[in-house]
Amino acid sequence: MDRAEEEGGAVSPVIATVLLLAITVLLTSGIYLMVQDAVRVPDKGIPYSQLSSQSLDNGFQVVRVTDLSTELLTATVKYQIIPPSTSNASMIEGMVNDADVYGAIGSNVTFQDRDAGLTVNRGDYFIVNATAIGSEDGDWTFRLFFLGSGTRGAADLGQVILPPVVNS
């Protein structure tokens, strides 16, 4: 009989510990559900940027992001290169994270991410092969768009006119 009393006494602390853990989990879950709606990520607003462009003497044009209100994921940014209205050329567009654009070499349009963080930041730049796409005479428009994510809506990040390529 002494043995039965010892076994019964040993079970009680284990059951108490399990019950305390279960109660703690339930209370924590309940508090989380109540507070979840009260805590939201603040809306960061619509991003804006400034772009600059320059031509190189080797047939390329460079478009640099000189100012950007917040870093943007490359998957949410689209570019367009629009020919002048007097041209028969077609508009060129794509996503910054496309495999033939992001960090590519030898493509018509490439994006160089200076910090390699898969984001568009101040200081990042696009290289346009002006000879290949026909923009070497200048007057083409380079536009950048933010497609939106989360609570932030889509936005036109800016545009810049591509200068003519000066051959040396």
C-alpha atoms as a PDB file:
ATOM      1  CA  MET A   1       0.000   0.000   0.000  1.00  0.00           C
ATOM      2  CA  ASP A   2       2.863   2.360   0.642  1.00  0.00           C
ATOM      3  CA  ARG A   3       3.906   1.902  -2.955  1.00  0.00           C
ATOM      4  CA  ALA A   4       0.482   3.018  -4.274  1.00  0.00           C
ATOM      5  CA  GLU A   5       0.616   6.164  -2.170  1.00  0.00           C
ATOM      6  CA  GLU A   6       4.083   7.018  -3.557  1.00  0.00           C
ATOM      7  CA  GLU A   7       2.927   6.589  -7.164  1.00  0.00           C
ATOM      8  CA  GLY A   8      -0.147   8.735  -6.607  1.00  0.00           C
ATOM      9  CA  GLY A   9       1.961  11.477  -5.060  1.00  0.00           C
ATOM     10  CA  ALA A  10       4.410  11.475  -7.981  1.00  0.00           C
ATOM     11  CA  VAL A  11       1.718  11.939 -10.613  1.00  0.00           C
ATOM     12  CA  SER A  12       0.238  15.103  -9.115  1.00  0.00           C
ATOM     13  CA  PRO A  13       3.193  17.499  -9.863  1.00  0.00           C
ATOM     14  CA  VAL A  14       3.382  16.290 -13.466  1.00  0.00           C
ATOM     15  CA  ILE A  15      -0.329  16.868 -14.015  1.00  0.00           C
ATOM     16  CA  ALA A  16      -0.079  20.284 -12.374  1.00  0.00           C
ATOM     17  CA  THR A  17       2.807  21.305 -14.628  1.00  0.00           C
ATOM     18  CA  VAL A  18       0.991  20.177 -17.778  1.00  0.00           C
ATOM     19  CA  LEU A  19      -2.152  22.027 -16.724  1.00  0.00           C
ATOM     20  CA  LEU A  20      -0.195  25.218 -16.006  1.00  0.00           C
ATOM     21  CA  LEU A  21       1.445  25.041 -19.434  1.00  0.00           C
ATOM     22  CA  ALA A  22      -1.924  24.483 -21.118  1.00  0.00           C
ATOM     23  CA  ILE A  23      -3.472  27.426 -19.274  1.00  0.00           C
ATOM     24  CA  THR A  24      -0.503  29.642 -20.212  1.00  0.00           C
ATOM     25  CA  VAL A  25      -0.820  28.717 -23.901  1.00  0.00           C
ATOM     26  CA  LEU A  26      -4.564  29.390 -23.879  1.00  0.00           C
ATOM     27  CA  LEU A  27      -4.168  32.770 -22.186  1.00  0.00           C
ATOM     28  CA  THR A  28      -1.360  33.800 -24.525  1.00  0.00           C
ATOM     29  CA  SER A  29      -3.425  32.801 -27.561  1.00  0.00           C
ATOM     30  CA  GLY A  30      -6.421  34.740 -26.293  1.00  0.00           C
ATOM     31  CA  ILE A  31      -4.389  37.879 -25.678  1.00  0.00           C
ATOM     32  CA  TYR A  32      -2.779  37.595 -29.112  1.00  0.00           C
ATOM     33  CA  LEU A  33      -6.179  37.326 -30.812  1.00  0.00           C
ATOM     34  CA  MET A  34      -7.479  40.382 -28.955  1.00  0.00           C
ATOM     35  CA  VAL A  35      -4.424  42.543 -29.689  1.00  0.00           C
ATOM     36  CA  GLN A  36      -3.871  41.349 -33.253  1.00  0.00           C
ATOM     37  CA  ASP A  37      -6.333  43.812 -34.804  1.00  0.00           C
ATOM     38  CA  ALA A  38      -5.055  46.739 -32.746  1.00  0.00           C
ATOM     39  CA  VAL A  39      -1.461  46.388 -33.939  1.00  0.00           C
ATOM     40  CA  ARG A  40      -0.998  46.938 -37.661  1.00  0.00           C
ATOM     41  CA  VAL A  41       1.969  47.880 -39.769  1.00  0.00           C
ATOM     42  CA  PRO A  42       1.792  51.605 -40.487  1.00  0.00           C
ATOM     43  CA  ASP A  43       1.115  52.693 -44.035  1.00  0.00           C
ATOM     44  CA  LYS A  44       4.358  54.030 -45.424  1.00  0.00           C
ATOM     45  CA  GLY A  45       2.592  56.046 -48.108  1.00  0.00           C
ATOM     46  CA  ILE A  46       3.258  56.174 -51.793  1.00  0.00           C
ATOM     47  CA  PRO A  47       6.971  56.075 -52.621  1.00  0.00           C
ATOM     48  CA  TYR A  48       8.646  58.696 -54.785  1.00  0.00           C
ATOM     49  CA  SER A  49      12.001  58.902 -56.499  1.00  0.00           C
ATOM     50  CA  GLN A  50      14.255  61.030 -58.644  1.00  0.00           C
ATOM     51  CA  LEU A  51      16.155  59.697 -61.617  1.00  0.00           C
ATOM     52  CA  SER A  52      19.122  61.023 -63.550  1.00  0.00           C
ATOM     53  CA  SER A  53      20.524  59.929 -66.874  1.00  0.00           C
ATOM     54  CA  GLN A  54      23.790  60.167 -68.715  1.00  0.00           C
ATOM     55  CA  SER A  55      25.191  58.764 -71.901  1.00  0.00           C
ATOM     56  CA  LEU A  56      28.474  56.970 -72.243  1.00  0.00           C
ATOM     57  CA  ASP A  57      30.763  57.088 -75.259  1.00  0.00           C
ATOM     58  CA  ASN A  58      30.527  53.319 -75.765  1.00  0.00           C
ATOM     59  CA  GLY A  59      26.888  53.205 -76.935  1.00  0.00           C
ATOM     60  CA  PHE A  60      25.244  52.860 -73.526  1.00  0.00           C
ATOM     61  CA  GLN A  61      23.007  55.090 -71.431  1.00  0.00           C
ATOM     62  CA  VAL A  62      22.862  54.981 -67.629  1.00  0.00           C
ATOM     63  CA  VAL A  63      19.805  55.820 -65.536  1.00  0.00           C
ATOM     64  CA  ARG A  64      20.591  56.255 -61.844  1.00  0.00           C
ATOM     65  CA  VAL A  65      18.167  56.329 -58.914  1.00  0.00           C
ATOM     66  CA  THR A  66      19.395  59.527 -57.239  1.00  0.00           C
ATOM     67  CA  ASP A  67      16.691  59.700 -54.559  1.00  0.00           C
ATOM     68  CA  LEU A  68      14.125  57.227 -53.261  1.00  0.00           C
ATOM     69  CA  SER A  69      11.795  57.660 -50.307  1.00  0.00           C
ATOM     70  CA  THR A  70      12.000  53.999 -49.246  1.00  0.00           C
ATOM     71  CA  GLU A  71      13.625  50.836 -50.514  1.00  0.00           C
ATOM     72  CA  LEU A  72      11.395  48.750 -52.780  1.00  0.00           C
ATOM     73  CA  LEU A  73      11.505  45.059 -53.601  1.00  0.00           C
ATOM     74  CA  THR A  74      12.644  44.460 -57.170  1.00  0.00           C
ATOM     75  CA  ALA A  75       9.559  42.311 -57.775  1.00  0.00           C
ATOM     76  CA  THR A  76       7.362  45.409 -57.296  1.00  0.00           C
ATOM     77  CA  VAL A  77       9.167  47.759 -59.696  1.00  0.00           C
ATOM     78  CA  LYS A  78       8.573  47.962 -63.452  1.00  0.00           C
ATOM     79  CA  TYR A  79      10.488  49.987 -66.044  1.00  0.00           C
ATOM     80  CA  GLN A  80       9.468  51.321 -69.456  1.00  0.00           C
ATOM     81  CA  ILE A  81      11.572  52.815 -72.212  1.00  0.00           C
ATOM     82  CA  ILE A  82       9.307  54.812 -74.488  1.00  0.00           C
ATOM     83  CA  PRO A  83      10.453  55.944 -77.948  1.00  0.00           C
ATOM     84  CA  PRO A  84       9.712  59.483 -79.152  1.00  0.00           C
ATOM     85  CA  SER A  85       6.392  59.966 -80.935  1.00  0.00           C
ATOM     86  CA  THR A  86       8.251  60.509 -84.237  1.00  0.00           C
ATOM     87  CA  SER A  87       9.790  57.024 -84.067  1.00  0.00           C
ATOM     88  CA  ASN A  88       8.396  53.732 -85.354  1.00  0.00           C
ATOM     89  CA  ALA A  89      10.166  51.830 -82.581  1.00  0.00           C
ATOM     90  CA  SER A  90       8.242  49.880 -79.959  1.00  0.00           C
ATOM     91  CA  MET A  91       8.153  50.539 -76.230  1.00  0.00           C
ATOM     92  CA  ILE A  92      10.405  48.305 -74.126  1.00  0.00           C
ATOM     93  CA  GLU A  93       9.216  47.268 -70.674  1.00  0.00           C
ATOM     94  CA  GLY A  94       9.928  44.710 -68.015  1.00  0.00           C
ATOM     95  CA  MET A  95      10.257  43.983 -64.329  1.00  0.00           C
ATOM     96  CA  VAL A  96      13.426  44.879 -62.458  1.00  0.00           C
ATOM     97  CA  ASN A  97      13.718  41.321 -61.089  1.00  0.00           C
ATOM     98  CA  ASP A  98      13.535  39.638 -64.508  1.00  0.00           C
ATOM     99  CA  ALA A  99      16.407  37.191 -64.997  1.00  0.00           C
ATOM    100  CA  ASP A 100      17.657  39.011 -68.108  1.00  0.00           C
ATOM    101  CA  VAL A 101      17.562  42.403 -66.309  1.00  0.00           C
ATOM    102  CA  TYR A 102      18.610  42.008 -62.643  1.00  0.00           C
ATOM    103  CA  GLY A 103      22.397  41.865 -62.513  1.00  0.00           C
ATOM    104  CA  ALA A 104      22.565  40.670 -66.106  1.00  0.00           C
ATOM    105  CA  ILE A 105      25.411  41.451 -68.467  1.00  0.00           C
ATOM    106  CA  GLY A 106      24.903  41.878 -72.192  1.00  0.00           C
ATOM    107  CA  SER A 107      21.137  42.425 -72.152  1.00  0.00           C
ATOM    108  CA  ASN A 108      19.479  45.447 -73.730  1.00  0.00           C
ATOM    109  CA  VAL A 109      18.461  46.696 -70.270  1.00  0.00           C
ATOM    110  CA  THR A 110      20.181  45.659 -67.050  1.00  0.00           C
ATOM    111  CA  PHE A 111      19.667  46.666 -63.433  1.00  0.00           C
ATOM    112  CA  GLN A 112      22.646  46.894 -61.116  1.00  0.00           C
ATOM    113  CA  ASP A 113      21.733  46.500 -57.436  1.00  0.00           C
ATOM    114  CA  ARG A 114      24.644  48.076 -55.549  1.00  0.00           C
ATOM    115  CA  ASP A 115      23.926  46.346 -52.243  1.00  0.00           C
ATOM    116  CA  ALA A 116      22.681  43.072 -53.835  1.00  0.00           C
ATOM    117  CA  GLY A 117      19.684  43.113 -51.487  1.00  0.00           C
ATOM    118  CA  LEU A 118      17.006  42.417 -54.144  1.00  0.00           C
ATOM    119  CA  THR A 119      15.739  45.947 -53.536  1.00  0.00           C
ATOM    120  CA  VAL A 120      15.736  49.196 -55.475  1.00  0.00           C
ATOM    121  CA  ASN A 121      17.602  51.830 -53.440  1.00  0.00           C
ATOM    122  CA  ARG A 122      19.237  55.193 -53.882  1.00  0.00           C
ATOM    123  CA  GLY A 123      22.392  54.695 -55.950  1.00  0.00           C
ATOM    124  CA  ASP A 124      21.176  51.683 -57.943  1.00  0.00           C
ATOM    125  CA  TYR A 125      21.221  52.103 -61.707  1.00  0.00           C
ATOM    126  CA  PHE A 126      20.023  50.790 -65.056  1.00  0.00           C
ATOM    127  CA  ILE A 127      22.283  50.338 -68.062  1.00  0.00           C
ATOM    128  CA  VAL A 128      20.563  50.692 -71.437  1.00  0.00           C
ATOM    129  CA  ASN A 129      22.244  49.363 -74.581  1.00  0.00           C
ATOM    130  CA  ALA A 130      21.305  52.381 -76.706  1.00  0.00           C
ATOM    131  CA  THR A 131      22.843  50.959 -79.857  1.00  0.00           C
ATOM    132  CA  ALA A 132      20.848  47.714 -79.598  1.00  0.00           C
ATOM    133  CA  ILE A 133      17.450  49.299 -78.897  1.00  0.00           C
ATOM    134  CA  GLY A 134      17.917  52.351 -81.122  1.00  0.00           C
ATOM    135  CA  SER A 135      17.843  55.072 -78.464  1.00  0.00           C
ATOM    136  CA  GLU A 136      21.283  56.471 -79.266  1.00  0.00           C
ATOM    137  CA  ASP A 137      19.789  59.672 -80.744  1.00  0.00           C
ATOM    138  CA  GLY A 138      18.214  60.482 -77.380  1.00  0.00           C
ATOM    139  CA  ASP A 139      14.685  61.778 -76.642  1.00  0.00           C
ATOM    140  CA  TRP A 140      13.533  58.362 -75.413  1.00  0.00           C
ATOM    141  CA  THR A 141      11.763  58.387 -72.038  1.00  0.00           C
ATOM    142  CA  PHE A 142      12.761  56.044 -69.221  1.00  0.00           C
ATOM    143  CA  ARG A 143       9.940  55.548 -66.684  1.00  0.00           C
ATOM    144  CA  LEU A 144       9.899  53.677 -63.405  1.00  0.00           C
ATOM    145  CA  PHE A 145       6.724  52.365 -61.723  1.00  0.00           C
ATOM    146  CA  PHE A 146       5.972  50.924 -58.310  1.00  0.00           C
ATOM    147  CA  LEU A 147       3.228  48.296 -58.687  1.00  0.00           C
ATOM    148  CA  GLY A 148       2.151  48.431 -55.045  1.00  0.00           C
ATOM    149  CA  SER A 149       2.394  45.962 -52.187  1.00  0.00           C
ATOM    150  CA  GLY A 150       0.556  45.456 -48.945  1.00  0.00           C
ATOM    151  CA  THR A 151      -1.300  48.631 -48.068  1.00  0.00           C
ATOM    152  CA  ARG A 152       0.703  50.835 -50.434  1.00  0.00           C
ATOM    153  CA  GLY A 153      -0.839  51.650 -53.784  1.00  0.00           C
ATOM    154  CA  ALA A 154       0.825  51.774 -57.163  1.00  0.00           C
ATOM    155  CA  ALA A 155       2.827  54.874 -58.079  1.00  0.00           C
ATOM    156  CA  ASP A 156       4.727  56.447 -60.934  1.00  0.00           C
ATOM    157  CA  LEU A 157       8.214  56.733 -59.445  1.00  0.00           C
ATOM    158  CA  GLY A 158       9.510  59.097 -62.064  1.00  0.00           C
ATOM    159  CA  GLN A 159      10.808  59.495 -65.547  1.00  0.00           C
ATOM    160  CA  VAL A 160      13.832  60.907 -67.284  1.00  0.00           C
ATOM    161  CA  ILE A 161      14.705  61.663 -70.908  1.00  0.00           C
ATOM    162  CA  LEU A 162      17.609  59.593 -72.216  1.00  0.00           C
ATOM    163  CA  PRO A 163      20.358  61.814 -73.689  1.00  0.00           C
ATOM    164  CA  PRO A 164      21.958  61.148 -77.072  1.00  0.00           C
ATOM    165  CA  VAL A 165      25.022  58.930 -77.080  1.00  0.00           C
ATOM    166  CA  VAL A 166      28.215  60.836 -77.789  1.00  0.00           C
ATOM    167  CA  ASN A 167      30.647  58.724 -79.778  1.00  0.00           C
ATOM    168  CA  SER A 168      34.293  59.517 -79.165  1.00  0.00           C
END
